[in-house]
Amino acid sequence: MNNSRATVVKNAGSHYLLSALPEWKLFPAVLRGRIRLKASEITNPVAVGDVVAYEPGASEGDMATILEVLPRRNYLIRRSTNLSRQAHIIAANVDMAYIVVSLYFPEVKLPFLDRILVTCELYGIPATIVLSKTDMYSEFDPSGLAHFREIYEGAGYPVIETSVVTGEGVDAIRDACKGKINLFSGESGVGKSSLIKALDPSLDPKIGAISAAHLQGKHTTSLYEMYPLSGGGYVIDSPGIRGFGLVDVEKEEIAKYFPEMLRLADGCRFTPCTHTHEPGCAIKAAVDDGRISPERYNSYLGMLEEDKKFR
């Protein structure tokens, strides 16, 4: 077997682009069939960010063949659709996931955000929450921004406010991306592609308009793709996501992936504790006295309920 190695930088369905990072020299590849068969419950056995072993084409200009996906350091995965057992890997070997949300236009859905954060915790990916379009927030109740920060900084997550109009937060994210593979993910229309372009104006991820009728973004990015940033590091742009189902987590384990719950769970009278009905539950007491936000607790209850659908 040829031991040549490279990183997958674009997934276009049945074809891939590879580059031997940190060198940025792209070449096309296809997937050997047996890899596809081994991962029957995964819609994409090879993901952007994967390091693969490949065999070069027989002659110059021929496609390389991906022989093997090397062990992943981490990955972000979601269930493809509600009630589906198939799952989709968003990206692999990520140093930081930037979860881009907008408080308004479109309005952030906290249960959706919490599912991504739980998945990041489960698969070992550090996460930072990026609030986009902050130049628009002055039109709304300023307490909304303060409350959002209180919820997520209280849980232990960094929150960065950004605006591609004013430039707020862009330099800080650009600096943080240097030397790292950075995933940018979020719902459609939150301004993710615009933010990536602000980080490096030479990049041109597709930018789409908000659907005014539903205040939800139209899907504009259909392919998963990694770009090199001129200031250093790499960014993975992922398609706008509308649903995010959890994968490979037992309902008894879900609370462990809420950092603010994990910190207090040892105080529960019973072990294990579902934090729903048991007397002497430290988590319920923390919700009652404000140490855990009711929004995050309600997301947790929703995940427990969602888990029943897949059994």
Protein backbone atom coordinates (compact mmCIF):
# COMPACT_ATOMS: atom_id res chain seq x y z
CA MET A 1 0.00 0.00 0.00
CA ASN A 2 1.27 3.46 -0.81
CA ASN A 3 1.72 5.45 2.39
CA SER A 4 1.06 8.87 0.88
CA ARG A 5 -1.11 10.97 3.19
CA ALA A 6 -3.19 14.08 2.67
CA THR A 7 -6.10 15.97 4.20
CA VAL A 8 -9.56 16.09 2.61
CA VAL A 9 -10.29 19.75 1.87
CA LYS A 10 -13.47 19.40 -0.19
CA ASN A 11 -16.25 16.85 -0.33
CA ALA A 12 -18.28 17.00 -3.53
CA GLY A 13 -20.28 13.83 -3.08
CA SER A 14 -18.41 11.07 -4.90
CA HIS A 15 -15.28 13.14 -5.54
CA TYR A 16 -12.85 14.80 -3.17
CA LEU A 17 -10.06 17.34 -3.21
CA LEU A 18 -6.98 16.56 -1.13
CA SER A 19 -3.93 18.53 -0.04
CA ALA A 20 -0.91 17.50 2.02
CA LEU A 21 -1.26 20.22 4.68
CA PRO A 22 0.34 22.60 5.49
CA GLU A 23 1.12 22.67 1.76
CA TRP A 24 -1.85 23.96 -0.24
CA LYS A 25 -1.62 22.03 -3.48
CA LEU A 26 -4.95 20.49 -4.41
CA PHE A 27 -5.49 17.27 -6.32
CA PRO A 28 -8.65 15.20 -6.98
CA ALA A 29 -9.42 11.78 -5.56
CA VAL A 30 -12.13 9.14 -5.54
CA LEU A 31 -13.11 6.68 -2.86
CA ARG A 32 -12.33 2.99 -2.91
CA GLY A 33 -15.64 1.12 -2.65
CA ARG A 34 -14.92 -0.94 0.44
CA ILE A 35 -14.61 2.18 2.60
CA ARG A 36 -18.09 3.19 1.54
CA LEU A 37 -19.48 -0.21 2.54
CA LYS A 38 -17.85 -0.25 5.97
CA ALA A 39 -19.76 2.83 7.13
CA SER A 40 -23.31 1.94 6.14
CA GLU A 41 -24.97 4.11 8.80
CA ILE A 42 -22.81 7.12 7.93
CA THR A 43 -23.89 9.03 4.83
CA ASN A 44 -20.32 10.21 4.22
CA PRO A 45 -17.55 7.79 5.24
CA VAL A 46 -14.97 10.46 4.35
CA ALA A 47 -15.33 14.00 5.71
CA VAL A 48 -13.57 17.32 5.22
CA GLY A 49 -10.67 17.42 7.67
CA ASP A 50 -10.04 13.68 7.46
CA VAL A 51 -6.44 12.61 6.99
CA VAL A 52 -6.40 9.79 4.46
CA ALA A 53 -3.95 7.35 2.95
CA TYR A 54 -4.14 7.48 -0.83
CA GLU A 55 -2.66 5.96 -3.94
CA PRO A 56 -1.63 8.48 -6.62
CA GLY A 57 -3.08 8.13 -10.11
CA ALA A 58 -1.21 5.92 -12.54
CA SER A 59 -0.16 8.94 -14.56
CA GLU A 60 -0.20 12.69 -14.13
CA GLY A 61 -3.73 14.02 -14.35
CA ASP A 62 -5.32 10.76 -13.14
CA MET A 63 -7.36 10.84 -9.95
CA ALA A 64 -5.86 9.52 -6.76
CA THR A 65 -7.67 6.75 -4.88
CA ILE A 66 -8.46 7.10 -1.18
CA LEU A 67 -7.49 3.81 0.44
CA GLU A 68 -8.08 4.43 4.12
CA VAL A 69 -9.32 7.07 6.55
CA LEU A 70 -6.76 7.42 9.33
CA PRO A 71 -7.97 7.54 12.95
CA ARG A 72 -9.77 10.79 13.74
CA ARG A 73 -8.73 13.03 16.62
CA ASN A 74 -12.35 14.20 16.85
CA TYR A 75 -15.32 14.90 14.61
CA LEU A 76 -18.66 16.66 14.59
CA ILE A 77 -21.60 14.49 13.61
CA ARG A 78 -25.36 14.92 13.41
CA ARG A 79 -28.29 12.67 12.68
CA SER A 80 -29.26 13.30 9.07
CA THR A 81 -33.00 13.71 9.56
CA ASN A 82 -35.43 13.25 12.40
CA LEU A 83 -36.20 9.58 13.01
CA SER A 84 -33.40 8.52 10.65
CA ARG A 85 -30.70 6.15 11.90
CA GLN A 86 -28.25 7.51 9.36
CA ALA A 87 -25.79 10.13 10.48
CA HIS A 88 -23.63 12.67 8.70
CA ILE A 89 -20.11 13.74 9.70
CA ILE A 90 -19.80 17.51 9.32
CA ALA A 91 -16.02 17.74 9.75
CA ALA A 92 -13.12 15.88 11.34
CA ASN A 93 -9.91 16.77 13.20
CA VAL A 94 -11.13 20.22 14.19
CA ASP A 95 -9.19 22.50 16.56
CA MET A 96 -12.09 24.89 17.21
CA ALA A 97 -15.77 24.97 16.26
CA TYR A 98 -17.25 28.42 15.87
CA ILE A 99 -21.02 28.10 16.22
CA VAL A 100 -22.43 31.16 14.48
CA VAL A 101 -25.83 32.39 15.65
CA SER A 102 -27.86 35.56 15.26
CA LEU A 103 -30.21 36.76 17.97
CA TYR A 104 -32.47 38.21 15.26
CA PHE A 105 -32.94 37.68 11.51
CA PRO A 106 -33.06 34.70 11.89
CA GLU A 107 -33.82 34.41 15.59
CA VAL A 108 -31.56 31.98 17.41
CA LYS A 109 -33.10 28.64 18.36
CA LEU A 110 -31.51 27.73 21.69
CA PRO A 111 -32.37 23.98 21.56
CA PHE A 112 -30.61 23.78 18.17
CA LEU A 113 -27.54 25.58 19.53
CA ASP A 114 -27.50 23.36 22.61
CA ARG A 115 -27.57 20.19 20.51
CA ILE A 116 -24.47 21.34 18.62
CA LEU A 117 -22.72 22.25 21.87
CA VAL A 118 -23.55 18.86 23.44
CA THR A 119 -22.17 17.14 20.34
CA CYS A 120 -18.97 19.20 20.52
CA GLU A 121 -18.56 18.15 24.16
CA LEU A 122 -19.29 14.52 23.32
CA TYR A 123 -16.70 14.33 20.54
CA GLY A 124 -14.03 16.50 22.13
CA ILE A 125 -14.23 19.67 20.03
CA PRO A 126 -13.70 23.03 21.78
CA ALA A 127 -16.55 25.40 20.92
CA THR A 128 -16.89 29.17 20.74
CA ILE A 129 -20.24 30.89 20.17
CA VAL A 130 -20.18 33.71 17.63
CA LEU A 131 -22.99 36.25 17.71
CA SER A 132 -23.29 37.74 14.23
CA LYS A 133 -24.97 40.92 12.93
CA THR A 134 -24.55 42.78 16.23
CA ASP A 135 -24.84 46.10 14.38
CA MET A 136 -28.57 45.32 14.08
CA TYR A 137 -29.14 44.63 17.78
CA SER A 138 -29.64 48.26 18.77
CA GLU A 139 -33.09 48.07 17.17
CA PHE A 140 -34.13 45.50 19.77
CA ASP A 141 -34.28 45.12 23.52
CA PRO A 142 -30.64 45.26 24.69
CA SER A 143 -31.46 42.94 27.56
CA GLY A 144 -31.77 40.11 25.03
CA LEU A 145 -28.04 40.23 24.30
CA ALA A 146 -27.13 40.43 27.99
CA HIS A 147 -29.41 37.49 28.79
CA PHE A 148 -27.91 35.36 26.01
CA ARG A 149 -24.39 36.06 27.25
CA GLU A 150 -25.44 35.24 30.80
CA ILE A 151 -26.80 31.84 29.72
CA TYR A 152 -23.81 30.68 27.70
CA GLU A 153 -20.93 32.32 29.51
CA GLY A 154 -22.50 30.96 32.67
CA ALA A 155 -22.38 27.50 31.11
CA GLY A 156 -18.70 28.01 30.32
CA TYR A 157 -18.62 28.97 26.64
CA PRO A 158 -16.78 31.95 25.15
CA VAL A 159 -19.16 34.33 23.32
CA ILE A 160 -17.77 36.70 20.67
CA GLU A 161 -19.90 39.51 19.26
CA THR A 162 -19.26 40.20 15.57
CA SER A 163 -20.43 42.44 12.78
CA VAL A 164 -19.14 42.35 9.22
CA VAL A 165 -20.57 45.89 8.85
CA THR A 166 -18.58 47.49 11.69
CA GLY A 167 -15.78 44.92 11.83
CA GLU A 168 -16.48 44.16 15.47
CA GLY A 169 -14.90 40.87 16.60
CA VAL A 170 -13.47 39.99 13.17
CA ASP A 171 -9.82 40.65 14.07
CA ALA A 172 -10.15 38.63 17.27
CA ILE A 173 -11.49 35.60 15.41
CA ARG A 174 -8.88 35.96 12.65
CA ASP A 175 -6.10 35.94 15.24
CA ALA A 176 -7.62 32.96 17.05
CA CYS A 177 -7.80 30.97 13.79
CA LYS A 178 -4.05 31.15 13.10
CA GLY A 179 -2.34 27.77 13.00
CA LYS A 180 -5.62 25.89 13.51
CA ILE A 181 -8.29 24.04 11.57
CA ASN A 182 -11.48 25.95 12.37
CA LEU A 183 -15.04 24.84 11.65
CA PHE A 184 -17.73 27.46 11.11
CA SER A 185 -21.21 26.04 11.50
CA GLY A 186 -24.72 27.27 12.15
CA GLU A 187 -28.22 27.58 10.79
CA SER A 188 -28.87 28.98 7.33
CA GLY A 189 -28.89 32.77 7.13
CA VAL A 190 -26.92 33.57 10.28
CA GLY A 191 -24.13 35.28 8.32
CA LYS A 192 -21.56 32.52 8.48
CA SER A 193 -20.29 32.88 4.90
CA SER A 194 -20.18 36.67 5.21
CA LEU A 195 -18.09 36.31 8.35
CA ILE A 196 -15.66 33.95 6.62
CA LYS A 197 -15.28 36.44 3.78
CA ALA A 198 -14.62 39.20 6.34
CA LEU A 199 -11.86 37.07 7.87
CA ASP A 200 -10.19 36.84 4.45
CA PRO A 201 -11.65 38.99 1.64
CA SER A 202 -9.87 36.84 -0.97
CA LEU A 203 -12.24 33.97 -0.12
CA ASP A 204 -15.65 33.79 -1.72
CA PRO A 205 -17.93 31.30 0.03
CA LYS A 206 -21.43 31.63 -1.35
CA ILE A 207 -23.50 34.30 0.36
CA GLY A 208 -27.27 34.09 0.29
CA ALA A 209 -30.17 36.35 1.16
CA ILE A 210 -32.57 35.81 4.01
CA SER A 211 -36.00 34.60 3.00
CA ALA A 212 -38.13 37.53 4.18
CA ALA A 213 -41.26 35.38 4.22
CA HIS A 214 -39.94 33.06 6.91
CA LEU A 215 -36.94 35.04 8.26
CA GLN A 216 -34.87 31.94 7.65
CA GLY A 217 -31.84 31.70 5.44
CA LYS A 218 -31.97 29.90 2.15
CA HIS A 219 -29.37 27.18 1.74
CA THR A 220 -26.44 28.65 -0.17
CA THR A 221 -23.50 26.40 0.71
CA SER A 222 -24.10 22.89 -0.59
CA LEU A 223 -20.59 21.50 -0.27
CA TYR A 224 -18.30 21.09 2.68
CA GLU A 225 -15.05 22.87 1.96
CA MET A 226 -11.84 23.96 3.67
CA TYR A 227 -10.11 27.21 2.77
CA PRO A 228 -6.65 28.50 3.74
CA LEU A 229 -6.77 31.85 5.50
CA SER A 230 -4.25 34.40 4.25
CA GLY A 231 -3.51 35.30 7.88
CA GLY A 232 -2.76 31.67 8.76
CA GLY A 233 -4.82 28.62 9.60
CA TYR A 234 -7.74 27.02 7.79
CA VAL A 235 -11.49 27.42 7.89
CA ILE A 236 -14.09 24.78 7.08
CA ASP A 237 -17.36 26.19 5.78
CA SER A 238 -20.33 23.90 6.28
CA PRO A 239 -23.79 24.11 4.71
CA GLY A 240 -26.45 25.88 6.75
CA ILE A 241 -28.07 23.33 9.04
CA ARG A 242 -31.79 23.19 9.77
CA GLY A 243 -31.89 20.20 12.14
CA PHE A 244 -29.36 18.64 14.47
CA GLY A 245 -30.10 15.20 15.93
CA LEU A 246 -27.78 13.68 18.53
CA VAL A 247 -25.77 10.57 17.66
CA ASP A 248 -24.30 7.85 19.89
CA VAL A 249 -25.25 9.29 23.26
CA GLU A 250 -27.39 7.44 25.79
CA LYS A 251 -30.03 9.54 27.51
CA GLU A 252 -28.44 8.72 30.88
CA GLU A 253 -25.24 10.37 29.63
CA ILE A 254 -26.65 13.57 28.09
CA ALA A 255 -26.34 15.67 31.27
CA LYS A 256 -22.57 14.99 31.37
CA TYR A 257 -22.21 17.07 28.20
CA PHE A 258 -23.77 20.17 29.78
CA PRO A 259 -20.69 21.59 31.55
CA GLU A 260 -22.75 23.48 34.13
CA MET A 261 -24.64 20.27 35.02
CA LEU A 262 -21.50 18.17 35.16
CA ARG A 263 -20.00 20.56 37.71
CA LEU A 264 -22.93 20.05 40.10
CA ALA A 265 -24.13 16.48 39.46
CA ASP A 266 -22.10 14.98 42.31
CA GLY A 267 -24.44 16.81 44.67
CA CYS A 268 -27.46 14.74 43.61
CA ARG A 269 -28.88 12.41 46.27
CA PHE A 270 -29.26 9.54 43.82
CA THR A 271 -26.80 8.07 41.32
CA PRO A 272 -27.65 7.83 38.52
CA CYS A 273 -30.03 10.79 38.50
CA THR A 274 -32.04 11.86 35.46
CA HIS A 275 -32.47 15.39 36.93
CA THR A 276 -36.17 15.25 36.14
CA HIS A 277 -38.17 13.90 39.08
CA GLU A 278 -35.79 12.60 41.74
CA PRO A 279 -35.82 14.21 45.21
CA GLY A 280 -32.57 15.83 46.30
CA CYS A 281 -31.50 16.65 42.74
CA ALA A 282 -28.70 19.23 42.70
CA ILE A 283 -29.44 20.16 39.09
CA LYS A 284 -33.11 20.99 39.71
CA ALA A 285 -32.09 23.00 42.77
CA ALA A 286 -29.56 24.94 40.65
CA VAL A 287 -32.26 25.74 38.07
CA ASP A 288 -34.54 26.97 40.85
CA ASP A 289 -31.91 29.29 42.32
CA GLY A 290 -30.58 30.57 38.98
CA ARG A 291 -27.20 28.83 38.81
CA ILE A 292 -28.38 26.89 35.74
CA SER A 293 -30.50 28.69 33.18
CA PRO A 294 -34.03 27.36 32.62
CA GLU A 295 -33.39 27.64 28.86
CA ARG A 296 -30.48 25.19 29.02
CA TYR A 297 -32.41 22.87 31.36
CA ASN A 298 -35.39 22.88 28.98
CA SER A 299 -33.03 21.98 26.10
CA TYR A 300 -31.81 19.07 28.21
CA LEU A 301 -35.39 17.87 28.80
CA GLY A 302 -36.04 18.17 25.05
CA MET A 303 -33.04 15.96 24.29
CA LEU A 304 -34.30 13.32 26.71
CA GLU A 305 -37.67 13.37 24.94
CA GLU A 306 -36.02 13.30 21.50
CA ASP A 307 -33.98 10.29 22.56
CA LYS A 308 -37.17 8.23 22.97
CA LYS A 309 -38.01 8.67 19.26
CA PHE A 310 -34.96 6.72 18.21
CA ARG A 311 -35.61 3.66 20.39
